[in-house]
């Protein structure tokens, strides 16, 4: 649910005015100046602690997971920036978020971490440390595979000393299957992108890398615009440019970090101090209704079809995939998750239709990835096991194609 600015301001005002009222009341409990100061400090600390404990408890009940404090990122360290034709992009050759334990709701007993990586020359995380460049023009004799999608493709997860992403795992499989052959698998995904933004970025930049094949694993992010009021097929009713709110991140970086959960939450509602948590709200607008029908499935199909047409016109092979959605026990009765699952099923039908219409290979990961917690960290993002599984499934049509290119190297 999106919270409008007046409500955010009111919440902040009530919290801090109550805090000041507690300080004033505590200070005036006695006429002794020294005791007044002690009482005021004590009252303020008690107010902050009680608010912290109460908020954390309520948040866990309502969200089903503990509140994760949103650390402050200095403005100069923000790894995302506006773009004239896209809501945002990652800065190129730039250090991203700091390493921290995974805050996903599933597999919390595993030692999963979200690592710190540099982006590459294309503004993506690519290769084992994120920095592997995509050489343009493409070197002669190289078979280049670009993986397109959003966060389910872009995600990196660390387990002990091992780094996982599905494009990394896919690269391992292909290199093992075709030793000595010059094959490159690149991660061209951008977390949070809709199909419209994937299409634009591919047209304006990604296609310059001259891939031989693209893998498209993408759904889910088009569902919010599809449910937003006053639907428009260019998504202008639901998306805006980061530039409109970029100054808020600069202002927020000047506010001291508050080590209590409730003020941390309230401050980040209005002035986000961490791009990881504030990016989506900064580029979104309009109100979502879970009671509405999905109005954007035809737009989603149009965008994917356009991408297919561009690839085919440029001799680029395309592999499509259905999208996984895991209704784990804590969310299986949640109205929002049930609605989004219905949307994903609709988008999967679109992918099947497009694969049939254009005679493209379709990897049915929705049915192929086991429906078990082991493979997920939330309803859509994969654990390392899930990344290995989806890479294995996607590798099959690629290997089949490469066997026709390199017939002397069997599967």
Protein backbone atom coordinates (compact mmCIF):
# COMPACT_ATOMS: atom_id res chain seq x y z
CA UNK A 1 0.00 0.00 0.00
CA UNK A 2 1.31 3.42 -0.96
CA UNK A 3 1.17 6.12 1.68
CA UNK A 4 0.68 9.68 0.45
CA UNK A 5 2.90 12.54 1.60
CA UNK A 6 0.39 14.29 3.93
CA UNK A 7 -0.11 11.05 5.87
CA UNK A 8 3.67 10.58 6.13
CA UNK A 9 4.07 14.12 7.42
CA UNK A 10 1.26 13.65 9.93
CA UNK A 11 2.81 10.42 11.24
CA UNK A 12 6.19 12.10 11.68
CA UNK A 13 4.60 15.12 13.35
CA UNK A 14 2.62 12.99 15.81
CA UNK A 15 5.63 10.89 16.73
CA UNK A 16 8.07 13.74 17.31
CA UNK A 17 5.51 16.04 18.91
CA UNK A 18 4.64 13.23 21.34
CA UNK A 19 8.35 12.81 22.05
CA UNK A 20 8.69 16.52 22.81
CA UNK A 21 5.57 16.37 25.00
CA UNK A 22 7.11 13.53 27.02
CA UNK A 23 10.31 15.54 27.46
CA UNK A 24 8.36 18.64 28.54
CA UNK A 25 6.14 16.72 30.98
CA UNK A 26 9.09 14.82 32.47
CA UNK A 27 11.11 18.01 32.86
CA UNK A 28 8.30 19.69 34.82
CA UNK A 29 7.77 16.84 37.30
CA UNK A 30 10.00 18.67 39.76
CA UNK A 31 11.31 22.19 40.45
CA UNK A 32 14.84 20.89 41.02
CA UNK A 33 16.78 21.76 37.80
CA UNK A 34 19.14 18.79 38.09
CA UNK A 35 16.31 16.31 38.68
CA UNK A 36 14.30 17.90 35.87
CA UNK A 37 17.10 17.11 33.43
CA UNK A 38 17.37 13.54 34.75
CA UNK A 39 13.60 13.03 34.50
CA UNK A 40 13.47 14.50 30.97
CA UNK A 41 16.31 12.28 29.72
CA UNK A 42 14.81 9.22 31.45
CA UNK A 43 11.36 9.96 30.04
CA UNK A 44 12.74 10.40 26.56
CA UNK A 45 14.68 7.14 26.72
CA UNK A 46 11.64 5.24 28.04
CA UNK A 47 9.49 6.73 25.25
CA UNK A 48 11.99 5.68 22.59
CA UNK A 49 12.42 2.18 24.05
CA UNK A 50 8.69 1.54 24.49
CA UNK A 51 8.02 2.84 20.98
CA UNK A 52 10.80 0.65 19.61
CA UNK A 53 9.59 -2.55 21.31
CA UNK A 54 5.92 -1.91 20.47
CA UNK A 55 6.64 -1.07 16.84
CA UNK A 56 8.88 -4.11 16.31
CA UNK A 57 6.25 -6.42 17.79
CA UNK A 58 3.43 -4.90 15.72
CA UNK A 59 5.54 -4.92 12.55
CA UNK A 60 6.34 -8.63 12.96
CA UNK A 61 2.67 -9.46 13.47
CA UNK A 62 1.55 -7.45 10.43
CA UNK A 63 4.43 -8.25 8.06
CA UNK A 64 5.35 -11.73 9.26
CA UNK A 65 9.02 -10.84 9.64
CA UNK A 66 11.09 -8.66 11.99
CA UNK A 67 11.76 -5.06 11.06
CA UNK A 68 15.19 -4.59 9.47
CA UNK A 69 16.80 -1.28 10.35
CA UNK A 70 17.41 0.80 7.25
CA UNK A 71 21.00 1.91 7.34
CA UNK A 72 21.94 5.31 6.02
CA UNK A 73 23.75 5.55 2.68
CA UNK A 74 25.60 8.84 2.02
CA UNK A 75 24.28 10.52 -1.11
CA UNK A 76 27.64 10.32 -2.87
CA UNK A 77 27.55 6.53 -2.38
CA UNK A 78 24.13 6.09 -4.03
CA UNK A 79 24.64 3.58 -6.81
CA UNK A 80 21.43 4.46 -8.67
CA UNK A 81 20.82 7.58 -10.75
CA UNK A 82 18.11 9.02 -13.02
CA UNK A 83 18.12 8.48 -16.77
CA UNK A 84 16.32 10.57 -19.40
CA UNK A 85 14.46 7.58 -20.91
CA UNK A 86 14.29 5.18 -17.97
CA UNK A 87 13.11 5.69 -14.37
CA UNK A 88 16.61 4.83 -13.07
CA UNK A 89 19.80 3.00 -13.92
CA UNK A 90 22.79 1.77 -11.95
CA UNK A 91 25.87 3.96 -12.13
CA UNK A 92 28.60 2.37 -14.24
CA UNK A 93 31.76 1.04 -12.59
CA UNK A 94 30.36 1.97 -9.19
CA UNK A 95 30.41 0.27 -5.78
CA UNK A 96 26.95 -0.93 -4.74
CA UNK A 97 25.30 -1.66 -1.37
CA UNK A 98 27.36 -2.81 1.58
CA UNK A 99 27.52 -6.51 2.41
CA UNK A 100 24.81 -7.51 4.87
CA UNK A 101 22.93 -10.64 6.00
CA UNK A 102 19.99 -11.65 3.83
CA UNK A 103 16.74 -10.09 5.06
CA UNK A 104 14.51 -12.31 2.94
CA UNK A 105 11.80 -14.16 4.94
CA UNK A 106 12.69 -17.74 3.94
CA UNK A 107 15.73 -19.86 4.77
CA UNK A 108 16.72 -17.43 7.51
CA UNK A 109 18.60 -20.24 9.25
CA UNK A 110 21.00 -20.41 6.31
CA UNK A 111 24.09 -18.24 6.27
CA UNK A 112 22.97 -16.23 3.24
CA UNK A 113 24.40 -12.77 2.63
CA UNK A 114 23.82 -10.04 0.08
CA UNK A 115 27.25 -8.98 -1.07
CA UNK A 116 28.92 -5.76 -2.09
CA UNK A 117 29.87 -5.59 -5.75
CA UNK A 118 30.99 -3.08 -8.35
CA UNK A 119 28.90 -2.60 -11.47
CA UNK A 120 30.52 -3.08 -14.85
CA UNK A 121 30.88 -0.85 -17.91
CA UNK A 122 27.21 -1.41 -18.81
CA UNK A 123 25.88 -0.58 -15.35
CA UNK A 124 25.06 -4.17 -14.40
CA UNK A 125 26.42 -6.68 -11.91
CA UNK A 126 28.20 -9.21 -14.09
CA UNK A 127 30.60 -12.02 -13.35
CA UNK A 128 31.84 -13.25 -10.01
CA UNK A 129 32.47 -9.80 -8.51
CA UNK A 130 30.11 -7.76 -10.68
CA UNK A 131 32.87 -6.00 -12.64
CA UNK A 132 33.24 -8.28 -15.68
CA UNK A 133 33.01 -5.97 -18.67
CA UNK A 134 31.00 -6.58 -21.81
CA UNK A 135 33.43 -5.88 -24.62
CA UNK A 136 31.98 -3.89 -27.52
CA UNK A 137 32.35 -4.61 -30.36
CA UNK A 138 31.94 -8.29 -29.59
CA UNK A 139 35.18 -10.25 -30.06
CA UNK A 140 35.21 -12.52 -33.11
CA UNK A 141 34.33 -16.15 -32.38
CA UNK A 142 32.53 -15.38 -29.11
CA UNK A 143 29.05 -16.81 -28.50
CA UNK A 144 27.39 -14.22 -26.26
CA UNK A 145 24.32 -15.04 -24.12
CA UNK A 146 22.63 -12.11 -22.34
CA UNK A 147 20.19 -12.81 -19.50
CA UNK A 148 17.41 -10.21 -19.34
CA UNK A 149 15.00 -9.71 -16.47
CA UNK A 150 14.59 -7.95 -13.16
CA UNK A 151 15.75 -8.79 -9.63
CA UNK A 152 15.15 -12.55 -9.94
CA UNK A 153 17.88 -12.53 -12.60
CA UNK A 154 20.01 -9.69 -11.21
CA UNK A 155 20.21 -11.07 -7.65
CA UNK A 156 23.48 -12.24 -6.14
CA UNK A 157 23.51 -14.32 -2.95
CA UNK A 158 26.56 -15.30 -0.94
CA UNK A 159 26.73 -18.58 0.99
CA UNK A 160 29.95 -18.89 2.95
CA UNK A 161 32.64 -18.09 0.35
CA UNK A 162 30.54 -18.96 -2.69
CA UNK A 163 28.80 -16.40 -4.93
CA UNK A 164 25.56 -17.35 -6.65
CA UNK A 165 23.37 -15.89 -9.37
CA UNK A 166 21.49 -17.82 -12.00
CA UNK A 167 23.54 -16.34 -14.91
CA UNK A 168 26.73 -17.36 -13.07
CA UNK A 169 25.41 -20.90 -12.66
CA UNK A 170 24.31 -20.99 -16.30
CA UNK A 171 27.79 -19.96 -17.38
CA UNK A 172 29.33 -22.80 -15.36
CA UNK A 173 27.05 -25.36 -17.02
CA UNK A 174 27.77 -24.13 -20.55
CA UNK A 175 31.53 -23.96 -20.01
CA UNK A 176 31.50 -27.49 -18.63
CA UNK A 177 29.38 -28.72 -21.55
CA UNK A 178 31.58 -27.04 -24.17
CA UNK A 179 35.15 -26.94 -22.85
CA UNK A 180 37.48 -24.81 -24.89
CA UNK A 181 34.66 -22.97 -26.64
CA UNK A 182 34.41 -19.21 -26.32
CA UNK A 183 31.01 -18.81 -24.62
CA UNK A 184 30.02 -15.83 -22.48
CA UNK A 185 26.94 -15.50 -20.24
CA UNK A 186 26.15 -11.95 -19.12
CA UNK A 187 23.75 -10.60 -16.52
CA UNK A 188 21.80 -7.76 -18.18
CA UNK A 189 19.01 -7.64 -15.58
CA UNK A 190 17.86 -4.61 -13.58
CA UNK A 191 15.91 -5.06 -10.37
CA UNK A 192 12.46 -3.47 -10.37
CA UNK A 193 12.15 -3.00 -14.13
CA UNK A 194 8.88 -3.63 -15.95
CA UNK A 195 8.74 -5.14 -19.43
CA UNK A 196 8.51 -1.59 -20.84
CA UNK A 197 11.80 -0.62 -19.23
CA UNK A 198 13.50 -3.85 -20.29
CA UNK A 199 12.44 -3.11 -23.86
CA UNK A 200 13.72 0.47 -23.76
CA UNK A 201 17.06 -0.47 -22.20
CA UNK A 202 17.53 -3.25 -24.72
CA UNK A 203 16.84 -0.89 -27.61
CA UNK A 204 19.06 1.92 -26.35
CA UNK A 205 21.99 -0.02 -24.92
CA UNK A 206 21.90 -3.80 -24.48
CA UNK A 207 21.53 -4.53 -28.19
CA UNK A 208 24.86 -2.77 -28.78
CA UNK A 209 26.56 -5.76 -27.17
CA UNK A 210 25.43 -7.83 -30.21
CA UNK A 211 24.29 -10.93 -28.30
CA UNK A 212 23.86 -14.22 -30.13
CA UNK A 213 21.08 -15.20 -27.75
CA UNK A 214 18.97 -13.64 -25.02
CA UNK A 215 17.26 -15.42 -22.14
CA UNK A 216 14.09 -13.73 -20.91
CA UNK A 217 12.94 -14.61 -17.41
CA UNK A 218 10.56 -11.82 -16.54
CA UNK A 219 7.15 -11.24 -14.94
CA UNK A 220 5.63 -9.79 -11.74
CA UNK A 221 6.86 -6.17 -11.94
CA UNK A 222 4.21 -5.30 -14.56
CA UNK A 223 1.44 -6.31 -12.15
CA UNK A 224 1.55 -3.14 -10.03
CA UNK A 225 0.99 -0.86 -13.06
CA UNK A 226 -1.63 -3.33 -14.24
CA UNK A 227 -3.61 -2.80 -11.01
CA UNK A 228 -3.02 0.95 -10.69
CA UNK A 229 -5.92 3.33 -11.33
CA UNK A 230 -6.31 5.22 -14.64
CA UNK A 231 -4.33 2.62 -16.57
CA UNK A 232 -2.24 3.76 -19.53
CA UNK A 233 -0.38 1.36 -21.79
CA UNK A 234 2.88 3.33 -21.50
CA UNK A 235 2.71 2.95 -17.67
CA UNK A 236 2.89 6.72 -17.22
CA UNK A 237 -0.03 6.42 -14.77
CA UNK A 238 2.10 4.31 -12.42
CA UNK A 239 5.76 5.17 -13.02
CA UNK A 240 7.82 8.33 -12.78
CA UNK A 241 11.46 9.25 -13.11
CA UNK A 242 13.79 9.04 -10.14
CA UNK A 243 14.83 12.61 -10.96
CA UNK A 244 11.53 13.83 -9.48
CA UNK A 245 12.54 12.60 -6.01
CA UNK A 246 16.32 12.42 -6.29
CA UNK A 247 16.74 15.53 -4.11
CA UNK A 248 14.95 13.77 -1.24
CA UNK A 249 17.77 11.25 -0.98
CA UNK A 250 20.26 14.12 -0.83
CA UNK A 251 18.28 15.81 1.97
CA UNK A 252 17.91 12.51 3.82
CA UNK A 253 21.65 11.92 3.75
CA UNK A 254 22.09 15.04 5.90
CA UNK A 255 19.82 13.70 8.68
CA UNK A 256 21.68 11.77 11.42
CA UNK A 257 21.02 8.04 11.61
CA UNK A 258 18.44 7.24 14.32
CA UNK A 259 19.10 3.83 15.96
CA UNK A 260 15.46 3.19 16.96
CA UNK A 261 13.04 1.23 14.78
CA UNK A 262 9.97 3.49 14.79
CA UNK A 263 11.68 6.82 13.95
CA UNK A 264 13.89 4.94 11.49
CA UNK A 265 10.76 3.65 9.75
CA UNK A 266 8.94 6.98 9.79
CA UNK A 267 11.91 9.03 8.58
CA UNK A 268 12.48 6.65 5.68
CA UNK A 269 8.85 6.93 4.65
CA UNK A 270 9.31 10.61 3.88
CA UNK A 271 13.05 11.01 3.36
CA UNK A 272 14.56 7.62 2.42
CA UNK A 273 18.12 7.24 3.64
CA UNK A 274 18.71 3.95 1.83
CA UNK A 275 18.07 3.55 -1.90
CA UNK A 276 17.47 -0.18 -1.47
CA UNK A 277 14.25 0.49 0.45
CA UNK A 278 13.23 3.81 -1.09
CA UNK A 279 13.73 3.22 -4.80
CA UNK A 280 10.40 1.61 -5.65
CA UNK A 281 8.31 4.27 -3.93
CA UNK A 282 10.47 7.00 -5.50
CA UNK A 283 9.56 5.87 -9.04
CA UNK A 284 5.97 4.78 -8.42
CA UNK A 285 2.72 6.73 -8.32
CA UNK A 286 -1.02 6.09 -8.24
CA UNK A 287 -3.05 3.74 -6.08
CA UNK A 288 -3.24 -0.03 -6.47
CA UNK A 289 -6.54 -1.86 -6.09
CA UNK A 290 -6.40 -5.59 -5.47
CA UNK A 291 -10.08 -5.79 -6.42
CA UNK A 292 -9.45 -4.63 -10.00
CA UNK A 293 -8.81 -6.85 -12.97
CA UNK A 294 -5.33 -6.94 -14.49
CA UNK A 295 -5.49 -4.30 -17.18
CA UNK A 296 -1.92 -4.61 -18.42
CA UNK A 297 -1.56 -8.17 -19.69
CA UNK A 298 -1.99 -7.04 -23.30
CA UNK A 299 0.65 -4.36 -22.72
CA UNK A 300 2.99 -6.93 -21.20
CA UNK A 301 2.45 -9.14 -24.26
CA UNK A 302 3.02 -6.22 -26.64
CA UNK A 303 6.31 -5.32 -24.94
CA UNK A 304 7.65 -8.88 -24.96
CA UNK A 305 6.50 -9.38 -28.55
CA UNK A 306 8.32 -6.18 -29.58
CA UNK A 307 11.50 -7.45 -27.93
CA UNK A 308 11.15 -10.74 -29.81
CA UNK A 309 10.63 -8.95 -33.13
CA UNK A 310 13.73 -6.78 -32.58
CA UNK A 311 15.82 -9.84 -31.75
CA UNK A 312 14.60 -11.81 -34.73
CA UNK A 313 15.25 -8.87 -37.05
CA UNK A 314 18.83 -8.79 -35.78
CA UNK A 315 19.47 -12.53 -35.88
CA UNK A 316 19.42 -12.92 -32.10
CA UNK A 317 18.08 -16.22 -30.75
CA UNK A 318 15.47 -15.93 -27.98
CA UNK A 319 14.69 -18.35 -25.14
CA UNK A 320 11.60 -17.62 -23.05
CA UNK A 321 10.71 -18.89 -19.59
CA UNK A 322 7.67 -19.05 -17.38
CA UNK A 323 7.97 -17.40 -13.98
CA UNK A 324 8.04 -19.10 -10.58
CA UNK A 325 5.81 -18.08 -7.69
CA UNK A 326 5.97 -19.77 -4.29
CA UNK A 327 3.08 -19.34 -1.87
CA UNK A 328 4.81 -20.36 1.34
CA UNK A 329 2.63 -21.02 4.43
CA UNK A 330 2.94 -17.52 5.95
CA UNK A 331 1.44 -15.87 2.83
CA UNK A 332 -0.78 -18.57 1.34
CA UNK A 333 -3.96 -16.82 2.56
CA UNK A 334 -2.74 -13.25 1.99
CA UNK A 335 -4.96 -11.34 -0.44
CA UNK A 336 -2.09 -9.42 -2.01
CA UNK A 337 0.06 -12.49 -2.66
CA UNK A 338 -2.91 -14.45 -4.00
CA UNK A 339 -3.72 -11.61 -6.38
CA UNK A 340 -0.15 -11.37 -7.61
CA UNK A 341 0.01 -15.13 -8.08
CA UNK A 342 -3.04 -14.90 -10.34
CA UNK A 343 -1.23 -12.18 -12.28
CA UNK A 344 1.90 -14.30 -12.65
CA UNK A 345 -0.20 -17.18 -13.96
CA UNK A 346 -1.66 -14.79 -16.55
CA UNK A 347 1.81 -13.61 -17.56
CA UNK A 348 2.97 -17.22 -17.85
CA UNK A 349 0.10 -17.87 -20.25
CA UNK A 350 1.30 -14.90 -22.29
CA UNK A 351 4.81 -16.37 -22.43
CA UNK A 352 3.41 -19.71 -23.62
CA UNK A 353 1.36 -17.95 -26.30
CA UNK A 354 4.37 -15.97 -27.54
CA UNK A 355 6.58 -19.05 -27.61
CA UNK A 356 3.99 -20.83 -29.72
CA UNK A 357 3.33 -17.89 -32.04
CA UNK A 358 7.04 -17.33 -32.74
CA UNK A 359 8.21 -20.96 -32.50
CA UNK A 360 10.60 -20.15 -29.67
CA UNK A 361 11.96 -22.51 -27.01
CA UNK A 362 10.06 -22.15 -23.74
CA UNK A 363 11.50 -23.30 -20.42
CA UNK A 364 8.56 -23.97 -18.11
CA UNK A 365 10.34 -23.11 -14.88
CA UNK A 366 7.01 -22.52 -13.11
CA UNK A 367 6.43 -26.28 -13.29
CA UNK A 368 10.05 -27.43 -13.37
CA UNK A 369 11.44 -25.76 -10.22
CA UNK A 370 10.30 -27.83 -7.20
CA UNK A 371 7.62 -26.13 -5.11
CA UNK A 372 9.71 -26.23 -1.93
CA UNK A 373 11.19 -23.64 0.42
CA UNK A 374 14.65 -24.97 -0.30
CA UNK A 375 14.61 -23.20 -3.67
CA UNK A 376 13.29 -19.77 -2.60
CA UNK A 377 14.09 -16.90 -0.26
CA UNK A 378 10.64 -15.34 -0.72
CA UNK A 379 7.70 -15.80 -3.09
CA UNK A 380 9.71 -15.10 -6.26
CA UNK A 381 13.44 -14.76 -5.51
CA UNK A 382 15.67 -17.81 -5.55
CA UNK A 383 18.00 -19.35 -3.01
CA UNK A 384 21.33 -20.69 -4.31
CA UNK A 385 19.59 -24.05 -4.86
CA UNK A 386 16.89 -22.29 -6.87
CA UNK A 387 19.46 -20.42 -8.93
CA UNK A 388 21.19 -23.70 -9.77
CA UNK A 389 17.87 -25.30 -10.67
CA UNK A 390 16.69 -22.54 -13.00
CA UNK A 391 20.13 -22.39 -14.64
CA UNK A 392 20.02 -26.14 -15.25
CA UNK A 393 16.58 -25.87 -16.86
CA UNK A 394 17.49 -22.89 -19.03
CA UNK A 395 20.76 -24.50 -20.16
CA UNK A 396 18.95 -27.29 -22.04
CA UNK A 397 17.69 -25.33 -25.07
CA UNK A 398 20.99 -23.42 -25.19
CA UNK A 399 22.97 -26.65 -25.22
CA UNK A 400 20.68 -28.00 -27.93
CA UNK A 401 21.36 -24.94 -30.04
CA UNK A 402 25.11 -24.98 -29.37
CA UNK A 403 25.27 -28.65 -30.33
CA UNK A 404 24.01 -27.62 -33.75
CA UNK A 405 26.75 -24.97 -33.86
CA UNK A 406 29.46 -27.21 -32.38
CA UNK A 407 28.31 -30.71 -33.45
CA UNK A 408 31.56 -32.33 -32.29
CA UNK A 409 30.77 -31.48 -28.66
CA UNK A 410 27.91 -33.71 -27.41
CA UNK A 411 25.73 -32.91 -24.38
